[in-house]
Amino acid sequence: MKESNNPLIALVDSNDTIIGYDEKMKVHREGTLHRAFSIFIFNNKKELMLQQRAWQKYHSPGLWTNTCCSHLLQHMTMDECIHDRLSFEMGFDCPMDFKLSFTYKAHFDNGLTEHETDHVYIGNWDGIPMVNPDEVAAYRCISIPDLMQEMNQHPENFTYWFKIIMERVEKDILF
């Protein structure tokens, strides 16, 4: 999938019901609640594959985050979108299971706002990804204990939504 520069993404209400679609950049300028997803891929050693967001991303450039994340696009189901986006960003696909969703709002230094109901999916895959350099600057695999230690020491190196999800590891034993 080659996403246009300003695709139409799903707007949702507080119950996560789709109520329409609007341009991605407009949604982020206005802070409109929309549907997103975050994908977590683990290898057989139970290490999480992280990606470093490309330096040219419209927000959170160069920060480490979960394996893949994006928004539900118009004319796609969540299942189509998660598999398509994982292939587009990381160069592979695998089975994934839905785990939870949560809503958050974060304001960024560039004036944009993420106000998302984020759906979290988890999968397992062993291999070397063929990352899209327009989306991903680097990748690495790390154990959850090592990741939690690194996040505690350097939280500024990680995306806002990723930190929220990882807080649930201890509370909900998400992974």
N, C-alpha and C. Protein backbone atom coordinates (compact mmCIF):
# COMPACT_ATOMS: atom_id res chain seq x y z
N MET A 1 0.84 -1.18 0.00
CA MET A 1 0.00 0.00 0.00
C MET A 1 0.88 1.24 0.00
N LYS A 2 0.59 2.15 -0.85
CA LYS A 2 1.25 3.45 -0.81
C LYS A 2 0.21 4.46 -0.38
N GLU A 3 0.31 4.88 0.86
CA GLU A 3 -0.65 5.83 1.42
C GLU A 3 -0.42 7.19 0.78
N SER A 4 -1.51 7.86 0.41
CA SER A 4 -1.37 9.21 -0.11
C SER A 4 -0.87 10.12 1.01
N ASN A 5 -0.44 11.32 0.65
CA ASN A 5 0.10 12.23 1.65
C ASN A 5 -0.94 12.66 2.68
N ASN A 6 -2.20 12.66 2.31
CA ASN A 6 -3.24 13.08 3.23
C ASN A 6 -4.49 12.21 3.05
N PRO A 7 -4.38 10.93 3.45
CA PRO A 7 -5.50 10.00 3.23
C PRO A 7 -6.68 10.32 4.15
N LEU A 8 -7.82 9.76 3.82
CA LEU A 8 -8.99 9.88 4.67
C LEU A 8 -8.94 8.78 5.73
N ILE A 9 -9.03 9.18 7.00
CA ILE A 9 -8.97 8.23 8.11
C ILE A 9 -10.29 8.25 8.86
N ALA A 10 -10.55 7.16 9.58
CA ALA A 10 -11.83 6.97 10.28
C ALA A 10 -11.94 7.85 11.52
N LEU A 11 -13.00 8.65 11.57
CA LEU A 11 -13.35 9.41 12.76
C LEU A 11 -14.28 8.54 13.60
N VAL A 12 -14.13 8.59 14.92
CA VAL A 12 -14.96 7.78 15.80
C VAL A 12 -15.55 8.63 16.91
N ASP A 13 -16.62 8.11 17.51
CA ASP A 13 -17.18 8.78 18.69
C ASP A 13 -16.56 8.14 19.94
N SER A 14 -17.03 8.54 21.10
CA SER A 14 -16.44 8.04 22.35
C SER A 14 -16.68 6.55 22.57
N ASN A 15 -17.59 5.94 21.79
CA ASN A 15 -17.82 4.49 21.85
C ASN A 15 -17.05 3.74 20.77
N ASP A 16 -16.18 4.43 20.05
CA ASP A 16 -15.37 3.86 18.97
C ASP A 16 -16.21 3.45 17.77
N THR A 17 -17.35 4.09 17.58
CA THR A 17 -18.18 3.86 16.40
C THR A 17 -17.74 4.83 15.32
N ILE A 18 -17.54 4.32 14.11
CA ILE A 18 -17.11 5.19 13.01
C ILE A 18 -18.25 6.15 12.66
N ILE A 19 -17.93 7.44 12.63
CA ILE A 19 -18.94 8.47 12.35
C ILE A 19 -18.62 9.25 11.08
N GLY A 20 -17.53 8.90 10.40
CA GLY A 20 -17.16 9.58 9.17
C GLY A 20 -15.68 9.43 8.89
N TYR A 21 -15.21 10.17 7.89
CA TYR A 21 -13.80 10.14 7.49
C TYR A 21 -13.37 11.56 7.19
N ASP A 22 -12.09 11.84 7.43
CA ASP A 22 -11.56 13.16 7.10
C ASP A 22 -10.06 13.02 6.80
N GLU A 23 -9.49 14.08 6.25
CA GLU A 23 -8.08 14.08 5.88
C GLU A 23 -7.19 13.98 7.12
N LYS A 24 -6.19 13.12 7.03
CA LYS A 24 -5.32 12.83 8.16
C LYS A 24 -4.72 14.09 8.77
N MET A 25 -4.17 14.97 7.97
CA MET A 25 -3.52 16.16 8.53
C MET A 25 -4.54 17.11 9.16
N LYS A 26 -5.72 17.22 8.59
CA LYS A 26 -6.76 18.06 9.18
C LYS A 26 -7.17 17.50 10.54
N VAL A 27 -7.34 16.21 10.62
CA VAL A 27 -7.71 15.53 11.86
C VAL A 27 -6.67 15.81 12.94
N HIS A 28 -5.39 15.77 12.57
CA HIS A 28 -4.33 16.00 13.55
C HIS A 28 -4.17 17.48 13.90
N ARG A 29 -4.47 18.36 12.98
CA ARG A 29 -4.44 19.79 13.31
C ARG A 29 -5.57 20.15 14.28
N GLU A 30 -6.75 19.55 14.07
CA GLU A 30 -7.93 19.87 14.88
C GLU A 30 -8.07 19.00 16.13
N GLY A 31 -7.29 17.93 16.23
CA GLY A 31 -7.37 17.05 17.40
C GLY A 31 -8.64 16.22 17.46
N THR A 32 -9.19 15.87 16.29
CA THR A 32 -10.43 15.09 16.21
C THR A 32 -10.17 13.63 16.59
N LEU A 33 -11.08 13.05 17.35
CA LEU A 33 -10.95 11.65 17.76
C LEU A 33 -11.05 10.74 16.52
N HIS A 34 -10.09 9.84 16.38
CA HIS A 34 -10.04 8.94 15.23
C HIS A 34 -9.52 7.57 15.65
N ARG A 35 -9.67 6.59 14.75
CA ARG A 35 -9.26 5.22 15.03
C ARG A 35 -7.84 4.98 14.53
N ALA A 36 -7.04 4.38 15.40
CA ALA A 36 -5.67 4.03 15.06
C ALA A 36 -5.42 2.59 15.47
N PHE A 37 -4.25 2.08 15.11
CA PHE A 37 -3.85 0.75 15.57
C PHE A 37 -2.36 0.73 15.84
N SER A 38 -1.98 -0.13 16.77
CA SER A 38 -0.59 -0.35 17.13
C SER A 38 -0.33 -1.85 17.08
N ILE A 39 0.70 -2.24 16.35
CA ILE A 39 1.04 -3.65 16.16
C ILE A 39 2.32 -3.97 16.93
N PHE A 40 2.28 -5.09 17.65
CA PHE A 40 3.43 -5.58 18.42
C PHE A 40 3.77 -6.97 17.89
N ILE A 41 4.96 -7.12 17.31
CA ILE A 41 5.39 -8.41 16.78
C ILE A 41 6.54 -8.92 17.64
N PHE A 42 6.39 -10.14 18.11
CA PHE A 42 7.40 -10.80 18.93
C PHE A 42 8.05 -11.92 18.13
N ASN A 43 9.33 -12.17 18.42
CA ASN A 43 10.00 -13.32 17.81
C ASN A 43 9.87 -14.52 18.75
N ASN A 44 10.45 -15.64 18.36
CA ASN A 44 10.33 -16.87 19.16
C ASN A 44 11.12 -16.81 20.46
N LYS A 45 11.99 -15.81 20.62
CA LYS A 45 12.69 -15.60 21.88
C LYS A 45 11.90 -14.67 22.80
N LYS A 46 10.67 -14.32 22.38
CA LYS A 46 9.77 -13.42 23.12
C LYS A 46 10.31 -12.00 23.20
N GLU A 47 11.11 -11.63 22.20
CA GLU A 47 11.59 -10.26 22.10
C GLU A 47 10.64 -9.47 21.21
N LEU A 48 10.42 -8.22 21.56
CA LEU A 48 9.56 -7.34 20.80
C LEU A 48 10.37 -6.62 19.72
N MET A 49 9.84 -6.60 18.49
CA MET A 49 10.48 -5.85 17.42
C MET A 49 10.01 -4.40 17.52
N LEU A 50 10.96 -3.51 17.72
CA LEU A 50 10.70 -2.08 17.77
C LEU A 50 11.09 -1.45 16.44
N GLN A 51 10.44 -0.34 16.12
CA GLN A 51 10.91 0.46 15.00
C GLN A 51 11.23 1.86 15.50
N GLN A 52 12.23 2.45 14.88
CA GLN A 52 12.52 3.86 15.10
C GLN A 52 11.83 4.61 13.96
N ARG A 53 10.94 5.53 14.32
CA ARG A 53 10.21 6.27 13.29
C ARG A 53 11.17 7.07 12.43
N ALA A 54 10.89 7.10 11.14
CA ALA A 54 11.73 7.84 10.19
C ALA A 54 11.84 9.30 10.62
N TRP A 55 12.94 9.91 10.30
CA TRP A 55 13.22 11.28 10.73
C TRP A 55 12.33 12.31 10.04
N GLN A 56 11.71 11.94 8.93
CA GLN A 56 10.85 12.88 8.21
C GLN A 56 9.37 12.73 8.57
N LYS A 57 9.02 11.90 9.57
CA LYS A 57 7.63 11.72 9.98
C LYS A 57 7.05 13.04 10.49
N TYR A 58 5.73 13.22 10.32
CA TYR A 58 5.09 14.48 10.66
C TYR A 58 5.02 14.75 12.17
N HIS A 59 5.14 13.74 12.99
CA HIS A 59 5.34 13.94 14.43
C HIS A 59 6.10 12.75 14.99
N SER A 60 6.73 12.95 16.12
CA SER A 60 7.52 11.93 16.81
C SER A 60 8.62 11.33 15.94
N PRO A 61 9.29 12.14 15.09
CA PRO A 61 10.36 11.58 14.25
C PRO A 61 11.53 11.08 15.10
N GLY A 62 12.10 9.96 14.69
CA GLY A 62 13.29 9.42 15.34
C GLY A 62 13.03 8.73 16.67
N LEU A 63 11.78 8.70 17.14
CA LEU A 63 11.49 8.04 18.41
C LEU A 63 11.24 6.54 18.18
N TRP A 64 11.56 5.76 19.19
CA TRP A 64 11.32 4.32 19.15
C TRP A 64 9.87 4.04 19.54
N THR A 65 9.30 3.03 18.90
CA THR A 65 7.91 2.68 19.14
C THR A 65 7.68 1.21 18.82
N ASN A 66 6.43 0.79 18.92
CA ASN A 66 6.07 -0.59 18.60
C ASN A 66 6.35 -0.88 17.13
N THR A 67 6.19 -2.12 16.74
CA THR A 67 6.59 -2.60 15.42
C THR A 67 5.99 -1.79 14.28
N CYS A 68 4.72 -1.41 14.40
CA CYS A 68 4.04 -0.69 13.33
C CYS A 68 2.81 -0.02 13.91
N CYS A 69 2.46 1.15 13.38
CA CYS A 69 1.23 1.81 13.81
C CYS A 69 0.73 2.72 12.70
N SER A 70 -0.57 2.92 12.68
CA SER A 70 -1.15 3.80 11.67
C SER A 70 -2.62 4.03 12.02
N HIS A 71 -3.40 4.40 11.01
CA HIS A 71 -4.81 4.74 11.17
C HIS A 71 -5.66 3.88 10.25
N LEU A 72 -6.92 3.69 10.65
CA LEU A 72 -7.86 2.98 9.78
C LEU A 72 -8.21 3.90 8.62
N LEU A 73 -7.97 3.43 7.40
CA LEU A 73 -8.23 4.20 6.19
C LEU A 73 -9.62 3.91 5.65
N GLN A 74 -10.17 4.90 4.99
CA GLN A 74 -11.47 4.74 4.35
C GLN A 74 -11.41 3.59 3.34
N HIS A 75 -12.48 2.85 3.22
CA HIS A 75 -12.63 1.73 2.28
C HIS A 75 -11.80 0.51 2.67
N MET A 76 -11.36 0.42 3.93
CA MET A 76 -10.62 -0.75 4.40
C MET A 76 -11.22 -1.22 5.72
N THR A 77 -11.15 -2.53 5.96
CA THR A 77 -11.49 -3.05 7.28
C THR A 77 -10.24 -2.96 8.15
N MET A 78 -10.41 -3.10 9.44
CA MET A 78 -9.24 -3.11 10.33
C MET A 78 -8.30 -4.24 9.96
N ASP A 79 -8.85 -5.43 9.68
CA ASP A 79 -8.01 -6.57 9.34
C ASP A 79 -7.20 -6.29 8.08
N GLU A 80 -7.83 -5.75 7.05
CA GLU A 80 -7.10 -5.41 5.83
C GLU A 80 -6.02 -4.37 6.13
N CYS A 81 -6.38 -3.38 6.91
CA CYS A 81 -5.48 -2.26 7.16
C CYS A 81 -4.24 -2.68 7.97
N ILE A 82 -4.43 -3.49 9.01
CA ILE A 82 -3.27 -3.87 9.83
C ILE A 82 -2.28 -4.71 9.03
N HIS A 83 -2.78 -5.63 8.23
CA HIS A 83 -1.87 -6.48 7.44
C HIS A 83 -1.20 -5.68 6.33
N ASP A 84 -1.96 -4.81 5.69
CA ASP A 84 -1.42 -3.99 4.62
C ASP A 84 -0.33 -3.05 5.14
N ARG A 85 -0.60 -2.44 6.29
CA ARG A 85 0.36 -1.46 6.83
C ARG A 85 1.62 -2.14 7.33
N LEU A 86 1.50 -3.30 7.97
CA LEU A 86 2.68 -4.03 8.43
C LEU A 86 3.56 -4.39 7.24
N SER A 87 2.96 -4.85 6.16
CA SER A 87 3.73 -5.16 4.95
C SER A 87 4.39 -3.91 4.38
N PHE A 88 3.65 -2.80 4.36
CA PHE A 88 4.15 -1.55 3.79
C PHE A 88 5.32 -0.99 4.59
N GLU A 89 5.21 -0.97 5.92
CA GLU A 89 6.27 -0.38 6.76
C GLU A 89 7.44 -1.33 6.99
N MET A 90 7.14 -2.61 7.29
CA MET A 90 8.18 -3.52 7.75
C MET A 90 8.56 -4.60 6.74
N GLY A 91 7.79 -4.74 5.66
CA GLY A 91 8.15 -5.68 4.61
C GLY A 91 7.82 -7.13 4.88
N PHE A 92 6.94 -7.40 5.84
CA PHE A 92 6.48 -8.76 6.10
C PHE A 92 5.06 -8.71 6.65
N ASP A 93 4.43 -9.88 6.72
CA ASP A 93 3.11 -9.98 7.30
C ASP A 93 3.05 -11.27 8.12
N CYS A 94 2.14 -11.32 9.07
CA CYS A 94 1.97 -12.51 9.90
C CYS A 94 0.58 -12.46 10.55
N PRO A 95 0.11 -13.57 11.08
CA PRO A 95 -1.17 -13.54 11.81
C PRO A 95 -1.06 -12.64 13.04
N MET A 96 -2.16 -11.95 13.34
CA MET A 96 -2.21 -11.06 14.51
C MET A 96 -3.54 -11.22 15.22
N ASP A 97 -3.52 -11.00 16.52
CA ASP A 97 -4.73 -11.06 17.34
C ASP A 97 -4.95 -9.71 18.02
N PHE A 98 -6.21 -9.28 18.07
CA PHE A 98 -6.59 -8.06 18.79
C PHE A 98 -6.47 -8.32 20.29
N LYS A 99 -5.89 -7.35 21.03
CA LYS A 99 -5.73 -7.51 22.48
C LYS A 99 -6.54 -6.50 23.29
N LEU A 100 -6.56 -5.24 22.91
CA LEU A 100 -7.27 -4.23 23.67
C LEU A 100 -7.33 -2.94 22.87
N SER A 101 -8.14 -2.00 23.35
CA SER A 101 -8.13 -0.66 22.78
C SER A 101 -8.21 0.35 23.93
N PHE A 102 -7.74 1.55 23.69
CA PHE A 102 -7.76 2.61 24.68
C PHE A 102 -7.75 3.94 23.93
N THR A 103 -8.18 4.98 24.60
CA THR A 103 -8.23 6.31 24.00
C THR A 103 -7.26 7.23 24.73
N TYR A 104 -6.55 8.04 23.97
CA TYR A 104 -5.63 9.00 24.56
C TYR A 104 -5.61 10.27 23.71
N LYS A 105 -5.06 11.32 24.30
CA LYS A 105 -4.90 12.58 23.59
C LYS A 105 -3.53 13.14 23.94
N ALA A 106 -2.76 13.49 22.92
CA ALA A 106 -1.42 14.04 23.14
C ALA A 106 -1.18 15.20 22.18
N HIS A 107 -0.65 16.29 22.72
CA HIS A 107 -0.32 17.47 21.92
C HIS A 107 1.19 17.44 21.64
N PHE A 108 1.57 17.76 20.40
CA PHE A 108 2.97 17.73 20.01
C PHE A 108 3.50 19.14 19.78
N ASP A 109 4.81 19.28 19.85
CA ASP A 109 5.47 20.59 19.72
C ASP A 109 5.17 21.27 18.39
N ASN A 110 4.85 20.50 17.36
CA ASN A 110 4.60 21.08 16.04
C ASN A 110 3.15 21.55 15.86
N GLY A 111 2.37 21.54 16.95
CA GLY A 111 1.00 22.01 16.88
C GLY A 111 -0.02 20.95 16.54
N LEU A 112 0.41 19.74 16.24
CA LEU A 112 -0.51 18.65 15.92
C LEU A 112 -0.94 17.94 17.21
N THR A 113 -2.09 17.27 17.13
CA THR A 113 -2.63 16.53 18.27
C THR A 113 -3.03 15.14 17.81
N GLU A 114 -2.62 14.13 18.57
CA GLU A 114 -3.13 12.77 18.38
C GLU A 114 -4.23 12.58 19.40
N HIS A 115 -5.44 12.34 18.93
CA HIS A 115 -6.58 12.01 19.78
C HIS A 115 -7.16 10.74 19.19
N GLU A 116 -6.72 9.62 19.74
CA GLU A 116 -6.98 8.33 19.11
C GLU A 116 -7.64 7.34 20.04
N THR A 117 -8.46 6.49 19.44
CA THR A 117 -8.82 5.22 20.05
C THR A 117 -7.92 4.21 19.34
N ASP A 118 -6.94 3.72 20.07
CA ASP A 118 -5.88 2.88 19.52
C ASP A 118 -6.21 1.41 19.79
N HIS A 119 -6.23 0.61 18.72
CA HIS A 119 -6.47 -0.83 18.81
C HIS A 119 -5.11 -1.53 18.77
N VAL A 120 -4.85 -2.37 19.75
CA VAL A 120 -3.55 -3.04 19.88
C VAL A 120 -3.66 -4.48 19.39
N TYR A 121 -2.75 -4.84 18.48
CA TYR A 121 -2.69 -6.19 17.90
C TYR A 121 -1.32 -6.79 18.18
N ILE A 122 -1.29 -8.11 18.40
CA ILE A 122 -0.05 -8.80 18.70
C ILE A 122 0.11 -10.00 17.77
N GLY A 123 1.36 -10.20 17.30
CA GLY A 123 1.66 -11.33 16.44
C GLY A 123 3.04 -11.88 16.76
N ASN A 124 3.38 -12.95 16.07
CA ASN A 124 4.68 -13.60 16.24
C ASN A 124 5.28 -13.85 14.87
N TRP A 125 6.57 -13.50 14.73
CA TRP A 125 7.25 -13.67 13.44
C TRP A 125 8.75 -13.70 13.69
N ASP A 126 9.44 -14.58 13.01
CA ASP A 126 10.90 -14.63 13.06
C ASP A 126 11.43 -14.35 11.67
N GLY A 127 12.33 -13.44 11.56
CA GLY A 127 12.91 -13.10 10.28
C GLY A 127 13.54 -11.72 10.32
N ILE A 128 14.05 -11.33 9.18
CA ILE A 128 14.66 -10.01 9.04
C ILE A 128 13.72 -9.15 8.19
N PRO A 129 13.19 -8.09 8.77
CA PRO A 129 12.27 -7.25 8.00
C PRO A 129 12.99 -6.48 6.90
N MET A 130 12.23 -6.12 5.88
CA MET A 130 12.75 -5.26 4.81
C MET A 130 12.01 -3.93 4.95
N VAL A 131 12.52 -3.07 5.85
CA VAL A 131 11.80 -1.86 6.23
C VAL A 131 11.73 -0.85 5.09
N ASN A 132 10.66 -0.07 5.12
CA ASN A 132 10.45 1.03 4.18
C ASN A 132 11.16 2.25 4.77
N PRO A 133 12.21 2.74 4.14
CA PRO A 133 12.99 3.85 4.72
C PRO A 133 12.20 5.16 4.82
N ASP A 134 11.09 5.28 4.10
CA ASP A 134 10.24 6.46 4.25
C ASP A 134 9.47 6.44 5.56
N GLU A 135 9.35 5.26 6.16
CA GLU A 135 8.58 5.09 7.39
C GLU A 135 9.44 4.74 8.61
N VAL A 136 10.53 4.01 8.38
CA VAL A 136 11.30 3.41 9.46
C VAL A 136 12.78 3.75 9.30
N ALA A 137 13.37 4.35 10.34
CA ALA A 137 14.80 4.67 10.31
C ALA A 137 15.65 3.47 10.70
N ALA A 138 15.14 2.65 11.64
CA ALA A 138 15.89 1.48 12.12
C ALA A 138 14.90 0.56 12.83
N TYR A 139 15.36 -0.65 13.13
CA TYR A 139 14.56 -1.58 13.92
C TYR A 139 15.49 -2.38 14.80
N ARG A 140 14.93 -2.97 15.83
CA ARG A 140 15.68 -3.86 16.73
C ARG A 140 14.70 -4.71 17.52
N CYS A 141 15.19 -5.82 18.06
CA CYS A 141 14.38 -6.68 18.92
C CYS A 141 14.95 -6.62 20.34
N ILE A 142 14.04 -6.61 21.33
CA ILE A 142 14.47 -6.44 22.72
C ILE A 142 13.52 -7.19 23.64
N SER A 143 14.04 -7.71 24.73
CA SER A 143 13.19 -8.38 25.72
C SER A 143 12.38 -7.32 26.45
N ILE A 144 11.23 -7.73 26.97
CA ILE A 144 10.38 -6.79 27.71
C ILE A 144 11.09 -6.24 28.95
N PRO A 145 11.77 -7.07 29.77
CA PRO A 145 12.48 -6.50 30.92
C PRO A 145 13.53 -5.45 30.51
N ASP A 146 14.29 -5.73 29.45
CA ASP A 146 15.30 -4.76 29.00
C ASP A 146 14.64 -3.50 28.46
N LEU A 147 13.54 -3.67 27.77
CA LEU A 147 12.81 -2.52 27.24
C LEU A 147 12.27 -1.65 28.38
N MET A 148 11.66 -2.27 29.38
CA MET A 148 11.11 -1.50 30.50
C MET A 148 12.21 -0.72 31.22
N GLN A 149 13.37 -1.34 31.38
CA GLN A 149 14.50 -0.64 32.01
C GLN A 149 14.93 0.56 31.17
N GLU A 150 15.05 0.36 29.86
CA GLU A 150 15.45 1.44 28.97
C GLU A 150 14.41 2.56 28.96
N MET A 151 13.13 2.20 28.97
CA MET A 151 12.07 3.21 28.97
C MET A 151 12.06 4.00 30.27
N ASN A 152 12.38 3.35 31.38
CA ASN A 152 12.46 4.06 32.66
C ASN A 152 13.65 5.03 32.69
N GLN A 153 14.75 4.64 32.07
CA GLN A 153 15.95 5.48 32.07
C GLN A 153 15.88 6.60 31.04
N HIS A 154 15.23 6.35 29.89
CA HIS A 154 15.20 7.32 28.79
C HIS A 154 13.81 7.41 28.15
N PRO A 155 12.79 7.83 28.89
CA PRO A 155 11.44 7.88 28.34
C PRO A 155 11.30 8.82 27.15
N GLU A 156 12.17 9.79 27.06
CA GLU A 156 12.12 10.76 25.95
C GLU A 156 12.44 10.13 24.60
N ASN A 157 12.97 8.92 24.58
CA ASN A 157 13.34 8.24 23.34
C ASN A 157 12.18 7.44 22.73
N PHE A 158 11.00 7.46 23.38
CA PHE A 158 9.89 6.60 22.96
C PHE A 158 8.63 7.43 22.70
N THR A 159 7.77 6.91 21.80
CA THR A 159 6.54 7.63 21.47
C THR A 159 5.56 7.61 22.64
N TYR A 160 4.69 8.59 22.64
CA TYR A 160 3.70 8.77 23.70
C TYR A 160 2.80 7.55 23.84
N TRP A 161 2.21 7.08 22.73
CA TRP A 161 1.27 5.95 22.79
C TRP A 161 1.95 4.66 23.20
N PHE A 162 3.20 4.49 22.79
CA PHE A 162 3.94 3.28 23.15
C PHE A 162 4.14 3.21 24.66
N LYS A 163 4.44 4.34 25.28
CA LYS A 163 4.61 4.36 26.74
C LYS A 163 3.30 4.01 27.44
N ILE A 164 2.17 4.48 26.93
CA ILE A 164 0.87 4.14 27.52
C ILE A 164 0.64 2.63 27.45
N ILE A 165 0.87 2.06 26.28
CA ILE A 165 0.65 0.62 26.11
C ILE A 165 1.58 -0.19 27.01
N MET A 166 2.83 0.21 27.09
CA MET A 166 3.79 -0.55 27.89
C MET A 166 3.48 -0.46 29.38
N GLU A 167 2.82 0.60 29.83
CA GLU A 167 2.40 0.67 31.23
C GLU A 167 1.42 -0.46 31.55
N ARG A 168 0.68 -0.90 30.55
CA ARG A 168 -0.30 -1.97 30.74
C ARG A 168 0.36 -3.35 30.86
N VAL A 169 1.62 -3.45 30.49
CA VAL A 169 2.31 -4.74 30.59
C VAL A 169 2.28 -5.24 32.03
N GLU A 170 2.61 -4.35 32.95
CA GLU A 170 2.64 -4.75 34.34
C GLU A 170 1.23 -4.91 34.91
N LYS A 171 0.30 -4.07 34.45
CA LYS A 171 -1.06 -4.10 35.01
C LYS A 171 -1.90 -5.25 34.46
N ASP A 172 -1.84 -5.45 33.18
CA ASP A 172 -2.72 -6.42 32.51
C ASP A 172 -2.00 -7.66 32.01
N ILE A 173 -0.68 -7.73 32.19
CA ILE A 173 0.10 -8.82 31.64
C ILE A 173 -0.28 -8.99 30.16
N LEU A 174 -0.21 -7.88 29.45
CA LEU A 174 -0.65 -7.82 28.06
C LEU A 174 0.08 -8.81 27.18
N PHE A 175 1.37 -8.96 27.38
CA PHE A 175 2.15 -9.77 26.46
C PHE A 175 2.44 -11.13 27.03
